[in-house]
Amino acid sequence: MPILQEVLKEKIEIHRERIKKLMKEHGTKVISEVTVNQAFGGMRGVKSMVCDTSVVEPDKGLIVRGHPLLDLKHLWPEEMFFLLLTGELPDEEGKAALQREFDRRSQVPQYVWDALSALPKDTSPMAMLATSILMMNRESVFHKWYDKGLKREDYWLGMLGDSLNILAKIPVIAAGIYRIRYDHGSVMHWTHGLDYAANYANMLGIADPLGHFASLMRLYLTFHVDHEGGNVSANTCHTVGSALSDAYYAISAGLNGLAGPLHGLANQECVRWILELMHRMGGVPTEEQMREFSFETLRSGRVIPGYGHAVLRVTDPRYTGLHEFGEIHLTDSPIFQTVDQVFKVVPVVLKEYSEERVKAGKNPIANCWPNVDAISGALLHHYDMVEFEYYTVLFSVSRCMGMLSQLVLNRAMSTPITRPKSVSTEWLENFVKA
């Protein structure tokens, strides 16, 4: 597409020189050390990769291309994709051009629908989505151009073509999966001229007379686009792509990581906990009921879903943005009222419980504040999307923008294949003795 491609080409040339200079002048400088705990603990906190699309600051939350997330909450997903790739916001012409590209590329091959319809009825929605992306590998622009001798410095062009094709088709496929898997009627198709999120909302077929669900989808997709490069889905996608696998292979792999209970399934657990609470209390709980239920959860050895984060030490700005949406549109909603009550009570409970743990000689709770999962599923449930298994598919439609933008940029910078050095437990034992 002319506008995005031209802007990106200019940015790539500048960034290539920036990296060359940094490596030439400071290539041997040490930026991180690794402890034995980190080696066994999933490499958490080890600075060993580069991601320019976004960073997560413990005391600020998600920063996208230098912009705090809440400064971007008015943007539509297509504008966020442009920003992730180029570092700048599109003007109206650039935004319209990108929307036209999605219009042009949105047709899903019939063999995808045939395959989805042939799967067992109880197939996981995430398995259906990852399968759909993987089988479209035959459409890969990058793969075809690579076989014809694509120059290394132009790999990003093939990857950009794949990315635009995947992004145009994934909301159509995701909405089709919702309708096929849960018997909501025949598959609905992309409407030319409608924005990205409104198209997705429309194809899901959820009643939306006032357009509020479409507004939620714009916010949801914008807020979930990216979260650094080290999370499971982004890191997996990056690793597969570093082998010069095309975007279909890499995105399918990333989606499989996103499907894990410790990554993309968290919002399901949160809404289940909220509904259990409401069922137990016969509706929206009082503050005292909330305290009792929270302490009961914690003292039974469970966690309160949606509270705490591996990196954040403040309220997740994504939570804040979605909560603001709820305060405008969902003030009469019992499930939102319960989420709001949880936010008022649970951080205090967690601090008190953390003090109990310290007195008992146990580790304190590091983070008592909500992440995005504490509210996102509840908002979806309010709009009658009650199929919890599907929530991760929504997450996937958004997160593909971050994964794909990282893929394009890594091919532009000729990032080498990912190959960390592993050591054995015996090696570590001998090393620490020495």
Protein backbone atom coordinates (compact mmCIF):
# COMPACT_ATOMS: atom_id res chain seq x y z
CA MET A 1 0.00 0.00 0.00
CA PRO A 2 1.59 3.28 -1.09
CA ILE A 3 1.30 5.53 2.00
CA LEU A 4 2.19 3.04 4.77
CA GLN A 5 4.89 1.42 2.66
CA GLU A 6 6.51 4.74 1.75
CA VAL A 7 6.55 5.99 5.35
CA LEU A 8 7.88 2.66 6.60
CA LYS A 9 10.61 2.49 3.96
CA GLU A 10 11.91 5.91 5.02
CA LYS A 11 11.84 4.94 8.71
CA ILE A 12 13.61 1.63 8.04
CA GLU A 13 16.58 3.29 6.35
CA ILE A 14 17.03 5.64 9.30
CA HIS A 15 16.69 2.83 11.85
CA ARG A 16 19.15 0.57 10.04
CA GLU A 17 21.82 3.26 10.32
CA ARG A 18 20.92 3.83 13.97
CA ILE A 19 21.47 0.14 14.77
CA LYS A 20 24.74 -0.04 12.79
CA LYS A 21 26.11 2.93 14.73
CA LEU A 22 25.01 1.52 18.09
CA MET A 23 26.55 -1.90 17.41
CA LYS A 24 29.79 -0.45 16.02
CA GLU A 25 30.36 1.90 18.95
CA HIS A 26 28.88 -0.08 21.84
CA GLY A 27 28.42 -3.66 20.63
CA THR A 28 30.43 -5.22 23.47
CA LYS A 29 28.79 -3.32 26.31
CA VAL A 30 27.06 -5.56 28.89
CA ILE A 31 23.37 -4.70 29.44
CA SER A 32 22.22 -7.59 31.65
CA GLU A 33 23.42 -10.31 34.00
CA VAL A 34 21.67 -13.63 34.56
CA THR A 35 21.15 -15.27 37.92
CA VAL A 36 20.56 -18.96 38.56
CA ASN A 37 17.00 -18.06 39.59
CA GLN A 38 16.41 -16.39 36.23
CA ALA A 39 17.87 -19.33 34.33
CA PHE A 40 15.38 -21.63 36.03
CA GLY A 41 12.62 -19.01 36.22
CA GLY A 42 11.69 -18.47 32.59
CA MET A 43 14.38 -15.83 31.92
CA ARG A 44 12.20 -13.21 33.63
CA GLY A 45 13.87 -9.82 33.70
CA VAL A 46 16.80 -10.82 31.47
CA LYS A 47 17.42 -8.04 28.93
CA SER A 48 18.25 -10.07 25.86
CA MET A 49 16.03 -8.89 22.98
CA VAL A 50 14.99 -5.65 21.29
CA CYS A 51 11.40 -4.48 20.75
CA ASP A 52 10.78 -0.96 19.47
CA THR A 53 7.00 -1.14 19.10
CA SER A 54 6.20 -0.88 22.82
CA VAL A 55 7.59 -1.16 26.33
CA VAL A 56 5.91 -1.83 29.68
CA GLU A 57 7.11 0.46 32.46
CA PRO A 58 6.42 -0.95 35.96
CA ASP A 59 5.23 2.42 37.26
CA LYS A 60 3.45 3.61 34.10
CA GLY A 61 2.14 0.64 32.14
CA LEU A 62 2.15 0.23 28.39
CA ILE A 63 4.01 2.82 26.32
CA VAL A 64 3.43 2.50 22.56
CA ARG A 65 6.12 4.16 20.45
CA GLY A 66 6.77 6.66 23.22
CA HIS A 67 3.09 7.41 23.90
CA PRO A 68 1.41 6.36 27.19
CA LEU A 69 -1.49 4.10 26.29
CA LEU A 70 -4.24 6.31 27.69
CA ASP A 71 -3.06 9.13 25.41
CA LEU A 72 -3.95 6.83 22.51
CA LYS A 73 -7.33 5.55 23.68
CA HIS A 74 -9.13 7.60 21.02
CA LEU A 75 -7.30 5.80 18.21
CA TRP A 76 -8.84 3.06 16.11
CA PRO A 77 -6.98 -0.26 15.66
CA GLU A 78 -5.90 0.56 12.10
CA GLU A 79 -4.26 3.76 13.37
CA MET A 80 -2.50 1.79 16.09
CA PHE A 81 -1.05 -0.62 13.51
CA PHE A 82 0.30 2.32 11.51
CA LEU A 83 1.82 3.75 14.70
CA LEU A 84 3.37 0.41 15.73
CA LEU A 85 5.09 0.06 12.36
CA THR A 86 6.22 3.60 11.68
CA GLY A 87 6.36 5.36 15.05
CA GLU A 88 4.02 8.06 13.81
CA LEU A 89 0.26 8.47 13.49
CA PRO A 90 -1.36 8.42 10.07
CA ASP A 91 -3.15 11.47 8.74
CA GLU A 92 -6.71 11.02 7.47
CA GLU A 93 -5.46 10.07 4.01
CA GLY A 94 -3.14 7.42 5.45
CA LYS A 95 -5.87 6.03 7.68
CA ALA A 96 -8.34 5.85 4.78
CA ALA A 97 -5.73 4.19 2.56
CA LEU A 98 -5.08 1.50 5.17
CA GLN A 99 -8.82 0.90 5.54
CA ARG A 100 -9.09 0.47 1.77
CA GLU A 101 -6.27 -2.07 1.89
CA PHE A 102 -8.21 -4.09 4.47
CA ASP A 103 -11.33 -3.84 2.28
CA ARG A 104 -9.35 -5.17 -0.68
CA ARG A 105 -7.71 -8.05 1.19
CA SER A 106 -10.59 -9.21 3.40
CA GLN A 107 -11.90 -12.11 1.30
CA VAL A 108 -11.31 -15.41 3.13
CA PRO A 109 -10.59 -18.47 0.94
CA GLN A 110 -13.48 -20.93 0.80
CA TYR A 111 -11.22 -23.80 1.86
CA VAL A 112 -10.88 -22.15 5.29
CA TRP A 113 -14.65 -22.23 5.83
CA ASP A 114 -14.83 -25.80 4.52
CA ALA A 115 -12.13 -26.91 6.97
CA LEU A 116 -13.67 -25.09 9.94
CA SER A 117 -17.07 -26.62 9.24
CA ALA A 118 -15.50 -30.10 9.12
CA LEU A 119 -13.82 -29.86 12.54
CA PRO A 120 -15.36 -31.67 15.54
CA LYS A 121 -18.07 -29.60 17.20
CA ASP A 122 -16.17 -29.29 20.48
CA THR A 123 -12.94 -27.98 18.91
CA SER A 124 -11.46 -25.08 20.87
CA PRO A 125 -12.06 -21.67 19.22
CA MET A 126 -8.34 -20.93 19.57
CA ALA A 127 -7.43 -24.19 17.83
CA MET A 128 -9.84 -23.22 15.05
CA LEU A 129 -8.20 -19.80 14.71
CA ALA A 130 -4.61 -21.07 14.73
CA THR A 131 -5.54 -23.80 12.22
CA SER A 132 -7.16 -21.24 9.92
CA ILE A 133 -4.08 -19.02 9.88
CA LEU A 134 -1.71 -21.94 9.38
CA MET A 135 -3.62 -23.43 6.46
CA MET A 136 -3.47 -20.08 4.62
CA ASN A 137 0.32 -20.42 4.47
CA ARG A 138 -0.19 -21.32 0.80
CA GLU A 139 -1.16 -17.66 0.26
CA SER A 140 2.12 -16.30 1.65
CA VAL A 141 3.60 -13.42 -0.34
CA PHE A 142 6.90 -13.66 1.55
CA HIS A 143 7.23 -17.38 0.84
CA LYS A 144 6.64 -16.93 -2.90
CA TRP A 145 9.00 -13.97 -3.20
CA TYR A 146 11.68 -15.68 -1.12
CA ASP A 147 11.62 -18.70 -3.44
CA LYS A 148 12.16 -16.34 -6.37
CA GLY A 149 15.26 -14.81 -4.77
CA LEU A 150 13.98 -11.87 -2.74
CA LYS A 151 16.87 -9.68 -1.57
CA ARG A 152 17.58 -9.73 2.15
CA GLU A 153 17.05 -5.99 2.53
CA ASP A 154 13.57 -6.41 0.99
CA TYR A 155 12.35 -9.26 3.21
CA TRP A 156 10.19 -6.76 5.08
CA LEU A 157 8.16 -6.04 1.94
CA GLY A 158 7.07 -9.67 1.67
CA MET A 159 6.36 -9.78 5.38
CA LEU A 160 4.31 -6.56 5.14
CA GLY A 161 2.21 -8.12 2.37
CA ASP A 162 1.54 -11.18 4.52
CA SER A 163 0.77 -8.98 7.52
CA LEU A 164 -1.83 -6.89 5.71
CA ASN A 165 -3.48 -10.02 4.33
CA ILE A 166 -3.63 -11.70 7.74
CA LEU A 167 -4.92 -8.58 9.49
CA ALA A 168 -7.66 -8.09 6.90
CA LYS A 169 -8.84 -11.68 7.18
CA ILE A 170 -8.45 -12.49 10.88
CA PRO A 171 -11.52 -10.54 12.12
CA VAL A 172 -13.60 -12.21 9.41
CA ILE A 173 -12.33 -15.66 10.42
CA ALA A 174 -12.62 -14.92 14.13
CA ALA A 175 -16.23 -13.75 13.76
CA GLY A 176 -16.99 -16.77 11.58
CA ILE A 177 -15.58 -19.07 14.26
CA TYR A 178 -17.90 -17.46 16.82
CA ARG A 179 -20.94 -18.06 14.64
CA ILE A 180 -19.96 -21.60 13.59
CA ARG A 181 -18.74 -22.83 16.97
CA TYR A 182 -21.69 -21.50 18.99
CA ASP A 183 -24.51 -21.91 16.42
CA HIS A 184 -25.14 -18.20 15.98
CA GLY A 185 -26.07 -18.48 12.31
CA SER A 186 -24.29 -18.32 9.00
CA VAL A 187 -20.93 -16.60 8.52
CA MET A 188 -21.11 -12.84 7.94
CA HIS A 189 -18.68 -10.99 5.71
CA TRP A 190 -16.63 -7.79 5.72
CA THR A 191 -18.47 -4.56 4.85
CA HIS A 192 -16.44 -2.23 2.65
CA GLY A 193 -16.20 1.29 4.05
CA LEU A 194 -16.72 0.23 7.67
CA ASP A 195 -13.82 0.63 10.10
CA TYR A 196 -11.85 -2.36 11.39
CA ALA A 197 -13.42 -2.77 14.83
CA ALA A 198 -16.96 -1.94 13.70
CA ASN A 199 -16.59 -4.59 10.99
CA TYR A 200 -15.58 -7.18 13.58
CA ALA A 201 -18.45 -6.21 15.88
CA ASN A 202 -20.89 -6.36 13.00
CA MET A 203 -19.69 -9.79 11.80
CA LEU A 204 -20.05 -11.26 15.29
CA GLY A 205 -23.76 -10.53 14.96
CA ILE A 206 -24.24 -9.24 18.52
CA ALA A 207 -27.20 -6.85 18.82
CA ASP A 208 -25.84 -3.31 18.99
CA PRO A 209 -28.61 -0.76 18.31
CA LEU A 210 -26.70 2.16 19.90
CA GLY A 211 -23.24 1.22 18.59
CA HIS A 212 -21.83 0.79 22.09
CA PHE A 213 -20.48 -2.71 21.43
CA ALA A 214 -18.64 -1.42 18.35
CA SER A 215 -17.16 1.33 20.55
CA LEU A 216 -16.05 -1.29 23.06
CA MET A 217 -14.43 -3.31 20.27
CA ARG A 218 -12.47 -0.24 19.11
CA LEU A 219 -11.20 0.27 22.65
CA TYR A 220 -10.57 -3.44 23.30
CA LEU A 221 -8.64 -3.98 20.06
CA THR A 222 -6.65 -0.77 20.52
CA PHE A 223 -5.69 -1.61 24.11
CA HIS A 224 -4.54 -5.19 23.42
CA VAL A 225 -2.40 -4.62 20.31
CA ASP A 226 1.03 -5.03 21.90
CA HIS A 227 2.85 -5.58 25.20
CA GLU A 228 6.60 -5.61 24.55
CA GLY A 229 8.40 -8.47 22.83
CA GLY A 230 9.05 -10.85 25.71
CA ASN A 231 5.54 -12.15 26.44
CA VAL A 232 4.87 -15.72 25.34
CA SER A 233 2.93 -14.97 22.15
CA ALA A 234 5.21 -12.19 20.89
CA ASN A 235 8.39 -14.06 21.82
CA THR A 236 7.18 -17.29 20.20
CA CYS A 237 6.17 -15.44 17.04
CA HIS A 238 9.54 -13.67 16.97
CA THR A 239 11.48 -16.93 17.41
CA VAL A 240 9.61 -18.72 14.62
CA GLY A 241 9.89 -15.70 12.33
CA SER A 242 13.64 -15.44 13.01
CA ALA A 243 14.06 -18.72 11.11
CA LEU A 244 12.55 -16.87 8.10
CA SER A 245 9.32 -18.76 8.47
CA ASP A 246 6.55 -16.70 6.89
CA ALA A 247 3.99 -14.76 8.91
CA TYR A 248 1.38 -17.53 8.73
CA TYR A 249 3.71 -20.00 10.47
CA ALA A 250 4.88 -17.41 12.99
CA ILE A 251 1.44 -16.00 13.87
CA SER A 252 -0.08 -19.46 14.22
CA ALA A 253 2.71 -20.35 16.65
CA GLY A 254 2.20 -17.13 18.60
CA LEU A 255 -1.54 -17.79 18.86
CA ASN A 256 -0.84 -21.24 20.28
CA GLY A 257 1.17 -19.56 23.04
CA LEU A 258 -1.58 -17.02 23.63
CA ALA A 259 -4.03 -19.89 24.22
CA GLY A 260 -2.24 -20.94 27.42
CA PRO A 261 -3.92 -20.47 30.82
CA LEU A 262 -1.02 -18.29 32.03
CA HIS A 263 -1.29 -15.90 29.09
CA GLY A 264 -4.49 -15.30 27.12
CA LEU A 265 -7.02 -17.19 29.25
CA ALA A 266 -6.79 -14.96 32.31
CA ASN A 267 -9.87 -12.86 31.52
CA GLN A 268 -12.00 -16.02 31.50
CA GLU A 269 -10.89 -16.85 35.04
CA CYS A 270 -11.65 -13.29 36.15
CA VAL A 271 -15.22 -13.22 34.89
CA ARG A 272 -15.89 -16.67 36.34
CA TRP A 273 -14.73 -15.42 39.75
CA ILE A 274 -16.96 -12.33 39.45
CA LEU A 275 -19.98 -14.45 38.53
CA GLU A 276 -19.27 -16.88 41.37
CA LEU A 277 -19.17 -13.92 43.75
CA MET A 278 -22.46 -12.51 42.43
CA HIS A 279 -24.13 -15.92 42.61
CA ARG A 280 -22.97 -16.44 46.20
CA MET A 281 -24.18 -12.99 47.30
CA GLY A 282 -27.36 -12.96 45.26
CA GLY A 283 -26.31 -9.95 43.21
CA VAL A 284 -23.91 -7.05 43.61
CA PRO A 285 -22.04 -7.60 46.91
CA THR A 286 -21.66 -5.09 49.70
CA GLU A 287 -18.15 -4.00 50.65
CA GLU A 288 -18.20 -6.30 53.68
CA GLN A 289 -19.35 -9.28 51.60
CA MET A 290 -16.62 -8.44 49.12
CA ARG A 291 -13.99 -8.44 51.89
CA GLU A 292 -15.16 -11.79 53.25
CA PHE A 293 -15.23 -13.46 49.84
CA SER A 294 -11.79 -12.07 48.94
CA PHE A 295 -10.18 -13.30 52.16
CA GLU A 296 -11.89 -16.67 51.70
CA THR A 297 -10.40 -16.95 48.21
CA LEU A 298 -6.90 -16.04 49.39
CA ARG A 299 -6.88 -18.18 52.53
CA SER A 300 -8.02 -21.20 50.52
CA GLY A 301 -4.75 -20.99 48.58
CA ARG A 302 -6.20 -19.38 45.46
CA VAL A 303 -5.44 -15.98 43.95
CA ILE A 304 -7.90 -13.24 43.09
CA PRO A 305 -7.92 -13.33 39.27
CA GLY A 306 -6.96 -10.14 37.51
CA TYR A 307 -5.00 -8.64 40.39
CA GLY A 308 -1.24 -8.56 40.04
CA HIS A 309 1.07 -8.55 37.01
CA ALA A 310 4.54 -9.85 36.21
CA VAL A 311 5.83 -6.35 35.43
CA LEU A 312 3.29 -3.69 36.46
CA ARG A 313 3.35 -2.16 39.93
CA VAL A 314 0.43 0.22 39.34
CA THR A 315 -3.12 -0.10 38.03
CA ASP A 316 -2.93 -1.29 34.43
CA PRO A 317 -3.83 1.70 32.20
CA ARG A 318 -5.82 -0.71 30.03
CA TYR A 319 -7.99 -1.41 33.09
CA THR A 320 -8.37 2.32 33.66
CA GLY A 321 -9.48 2.95 30.08
CA LEU A 322 -12.03 0.13 30.07
CA HIS A 323 -13.30 1.22 33.50
CA GLU A 324 -13.89 4.71 32.10
CA PHE A 325 -15.92 3.14 29.29
CA GLY A 326 -17.99 1.27 31.88
CA GLU A 327 -18.62 4.44 33.87
CA ILE A 328 -20.12 6.00 30.74
CA HIS A 329 -22.10 3.08 29.31
CA LEU A 330 -22.60 0.44 32.02
CA THR A 331 -23.55 2.25 35.22
CA ASP A 332 -26.75 0.17 35.54
CA SER A 333 -24.98 -3.13 34.82
CA PRO A 334 -24.75 -5.47 37.85
CA ILE A 335 -21.58 -7.12 36.56
CA PHE A 336 -19.84 -3.75 36.08
CA GLN A 337 -21.04 -2.58 39.49
CA THR A 338 -19.46 -5.73 40.96
CA VAL A 339 -16.18 -5.12 39.12
CA ASP A 340 -16.20 -1.57 40.45
CA GLN A 341 -16.80 -2.86 43.99
CA VAL A 342 -13.90 -5.30 43.60
CA PHE A 343 -11.61 -2.44 42.60
CA LYS A 344 -12.54 -0.50 45.74
CA VAL A 345 -12.07 -3.43 48.13
CA VAL A 346 -9.57 -5.97 46.79
CA PRO A 347 -6.39 -3.81 46.73
CA VAL A 348 -6.92 -3.08 50.44
CA VAL A 349 -7.58 -6.77 51.18
CA LEU A 350 -4.45 -7.80 49.29
CA LYS A 351 -2.29 -5.37 51.28
CA GLU A 352 -3.71 -6.70 54.56
CA TYR A 353 -3.24 -10.29 53.42
CA SER A 354 0.31 -9.49 52.33
CA GLU A 355 1.04 -8.28 55.88
CA GLU A 356 -0.36 -11.58 57.19
CA ARG A 357 2.02 -13.48 54.94
CA VAL A 358 5.02 -11.47 56.10
CA LYS A 359 4.16 -12.14 59.74
CA ALA A 360 3.93 -15.84 58.92
CA GLY A 361 7.43 -15.75 57.37
CA LYS A 362 6.17 -15.89 53.77
CA ASN A 363 6.83 -13.62 50.81
CA PRO A 364 4.65 -10.50 50.49
CA ILE A 365 2.32 -9.93 47.55
CA ALA A 366 4.28 -7.82 45.09
CA ASN A 367 1.36 -6.17 43.28
CA CYS A 368 -2.11 -5.43 44.65
CA TRP A 369 -3.49 -3.61 41.62
CA PRO A 370 -5.71 -4.78 38.73
CA ASN A 371 -4.56 -5.68 35.25
CA VAL A 372 -6.75 -5.53 32.14
CA ASP A 373 -8.17 -9.03 32.68
CA ALA A 374 -9.93 -7.87 35.85
CA ILE A 375 -12.47 -6.00 33.72
CA SER A 376 -12.32 -6.99 30.05
CA GLY A 377 -14.28 -10.25 30.35
CA ALA A 378 -16.97 -8.63 32.48
CA LEU A 379 -17.61 -5.98 29.82
CA LEU A 380 -17.90 -8.65 27.14
CA HIS A 381 -20.30 -10.60 29.34
CA HIS A 382 -22.48 -7.51 29.75
CA TYR A 383 -22.98 -7.43 25.96
CA ASP A 384 -24.16 -11.06 26.04
CA MET A 385 -20.92 -12.59 24.84
CA VAL A 386 -21.08 -15.35 27.44
CA GLU A 387 -18.92 -17.94 25.66
CA PHE A 388 -15.81 -17.65 27.84
CA GLU A 389 -13.67 -19.89 25.64
CA TYR A 390 -13.99 -17.35 22.86
CA TYR A 391 -12.53 -14.40 24.76
CA THR A 392 -8.95 -15.31 23.83
CA VAL A 393 -9.90 -15.14 20.15
CA LEU A 394 -10.83 -11.49 20.66
CA PHE A 395 -7.46 -10.95 22.33
CA SER A 396 -5.79 -12.66 19.36
CA VAL A 397 -7.37 -10.41 16.73
CA SER A 398 -5.84 -7.43 18.50
CA ARG A 399 -2.48 -8.93 19.49
CA CYS A 400 -1.79 -9.99 15.90
CA MET A 401 -1.18 -6.32 15.12
CA GLY A 402 1.70 -6.22 17.57
CA MET A 403 3.15 -9.57 16.56
CA LEU A 404 2.98 -8.72 12.86
CA SER A 405 4.47 -5.25 13.27
CA GLN A 406 7.38 -6.81 15.17
CA LEU A 407 7.82 -9.41 12.42
CA VAL A 408 7.98 -6.74 9.71
CA LEU A 409 10.48 -4.62 11.64
CA ASN A 410 12.69 -7.59 12.52
CA ARG A 411 12.91 -8.58 8.87
CA ALA A 412 13.68 -4.97 7.96
CA MET A 413 16.55 -4.92 10.48
CA SER A 414 17.75 -8.40 9.40
CA THR A 415 17.48 -9.64 12.97
CA PRO A 416 19.34 -12.98 13.11
CA ILE A 417 17.85 -16.31 14.08
CA THR A 418 17.09 -16.62 17.80
CA ARG A 419 19.53 -19.09 19.36
CA PRO A 420 20.23 -18.57 23.07
CA LYS A 421 22.83 -20.80 24.68
CA SER A 422 21.41 -23.38 27.08
CA VAL A 423 23.37 -24.98 29.92
CA SER A 424 22.72 -28.05 32.03
CA THR A 425 21.89 -28.19 35.73
CA GLU A 426 25.28 -29.88 36.24
CA TRP A 427 27.01 -26.96 34.50
CA LEU A 428 25.25 -24.52 36.86
CA GLU A 429 26.20 -26.58 39.91
CA ASN A 430 29.85 -26.62 38.86
CA PHE A 431 29.79 -22.93 37.96
CA VAL A 432 28.46 -21.75 41.33
CA LYS A 433 30.96 -23.98 43.15
CA ALA A 434 33.77 -22.35 41.24
